[in-house]
Amino acid sequence: VEGRALNRIGLLVDFVDLKRAVRATCERLDHQFINDLEPFTILNPSAENLAKYLYDEVASMLDLTKSDPPVRISQVKVWETDTSIALYRPD
């Protein structure tokens, strides 16, 4: 996550909230055949699409549009192998 200023208690995002959102999103995918899960029934489950999916889900759970001061997820990185990654950066 990134932001230009910290909130009133000196944080961008509470890591407890961030970890909860990431964990919930990953648990939905863990030990599943991803092609059977929405949106991957019609979307290729590539590392690039997984990175965007993780971004969308976590951003929605954190509801960063309401954070004060503004905070955003700057990037999501998904490793396909130990040497191949996909990096999603929102506009």
Protein backbone atom coordinates (compact mmCIF):
# COMPACT_ATOMS: atom_id res chain seq x y z
CA VAL A 1 0.00 0.00 0.00
CA GLU A 2 1.07 3.56 -0.41
CA GLY A 3 -0.11 7.00 0.57
CA ARG A 4 1.14 10.54 0.92
CA ALA A 5 0.28 10.90 4.59
CA LEU A 6 -0.32 8.76 7.66
CA ASN A 7 -3.63 8.64 9.49
CA ARG A 8 -4.16 10.15 12.94
CA ILE A 9 -2.47 7.19 14.67
CA GLY A 10 0.49 7.06 12.28
CA LEU A 11 -0.55 4.27 9.89
CA LEU A 12 -1.37 3.93 6.22
CA VAL A 13 -3.40 0.74 6.77
CA ASP A 14 -3.59 -1.44 9.84
CA PHE A 15 -1.67 -4.63 8.97
CA VAL A 16 -4.29 -6.66 10.84
CA ASP A 17 -6.92 -5.46 8.35
CA LEU A 18 -4.61 -5.93 5.38
CA LYS A 19 -3.65 -9.47 6.43
CA ARG A 20 -7.30 -10.36 7.04
CA ALA A 21 -8.26 -9.25 3.51
CA VAL A 22 -5.32 -11.02 1.86
CA ARG A 23 -5.89 -14.20 3.88
CA ALA A 24 -9.63 -14.30 3.07
CA THR A 25 -8.92 -13.86 -0.63
CA CYS A 26 -6.19 -16.50 -0.70
CA GLU A 27 -8.28 -18.98 1.34
CA ARG A 28 -10.96 -18.82 -1.34
CA LEU A 29 -8.38 -20.00 -3.90
CA ASP A 30 -6.40 -22.42 -1.71
CA HIS A 31 -6.72 -26.11 -2.62
CA GLN A 32 -9.24 -25.31 -5.36
CA PHE A 33 -9.31 -25.94 -9.07
CA ILE A 34 -9.16 -22.26 -9.99
CA ASN A 35 -10.82 -22.82 -13.38
CA ASP A 36 -14.02 -23.77 -11.49
CA LEU A 37 -14.12 -20.48 -9.54
CA GLU A 38 -15.57 -17.17 -10.72
CA PRO A 39 -14.27 -15.19 -12.55
CA PHE A 40 -11.90 -17.86 -13.85
CA THR A 41 -14.65 -19.96 -15.40
CA ILE A 42 -14.43 -17.46 -18.29
CA LEU A 43 -11.15 -15.67 -17.52
CA ASN A 44 -7.74 -17.28 -18.05
CA PRO A 45 -6.22 -17.95 -14.59
CA SER A 46 -2.87 -16.55 -15.65
CA ALA A 47 -0.52 -15.02 -13.10
CA GLU A 48 -1.42 -11.62 -14.56
CA ASN A 49 -5.16 -12.18 -14.09
CA LEU A 50 -4.59 -13.62 -10.61
CA ALA A 51 -2.65 -10.50 -9.63
CA LYS A 52 -5.50 -8.26 -10.82
CA TYR A 53 -8.06 -10.49 -9.09
CA LEU A 54 -6.13 -10.26 -5.81
CA TYR A 55 -5.92 -6.50 -6.19
CA ASP A 56 -9.66 -6.16 -6.85
CA GLU A 57 -10.68 -8.42 -3.97
CA VAL A 58 -8.34 -6.96 -1.35
CA ALA A 59 -9.06 -3.36 -2.37
CA SER A 60 -12.78 -4.04 -2.13
CA MET A 61 -12.50 -5.66 1.34
CA LEU A 62 -10.39 -2.79 2.67
CA ASP A 63 -12.66 -0.19 1.02
CA LEU A 64 -9.76 2.20 0.56
CA THR A 65 -12.06 4.75 -1.08
CA LYS A 66 -13.11 5.74 2.45
CA SER A 67 -9.64 5.97 3.96
CA ASP A 68 -8.53 9.32 5.29
CA PRO A 69 -5.94 10.31 4.22
CA PRO A 70 -6.19 8.51 0.86
CA VAL A 71 -4.38 5.17 0.55
CA ARG A 72 -4.08 2.84 -2.40
CA ILE A 73 -2.66 -0.56 -3.22
CA SER A 74 0.31 0.32 -5.39
CA GLN A 75 0.96 -3.14 -6.80
CA VAL A 76 0.30 -6.86 -6.49
CA LYS A 77 3.00 -9.36 -7.40
CA VAL A 78 2.26 -13.02 -8.17
CA TRP A 79 5.07 -15.53 -8.59
CA GLU A 80 4.45 -18.20 -11.22
CA THR A 81 7.85 -19.79 -10.56
CA ASP A 82 10.86 -18.71 -8.52
CA THR A 83 12.05 -16.69 -11.52
CA SER A 84 8.78 -15.65 -13.23
CA ILE A 85 6.43 -13.04 -11.80
CA ALA A 86 3.45 -11.01 -12.87
CA LEU A 87 3.09 -7.54 -11.46
CA TYR A 88 -0.24 -5.70 -11.53
CA ARG A 89 -0.26 -1.95 -10.97
CA PRO A 90 -3.61 -0.15 -11.12
CA ASP A 91 -3.89 3.07 -13.11
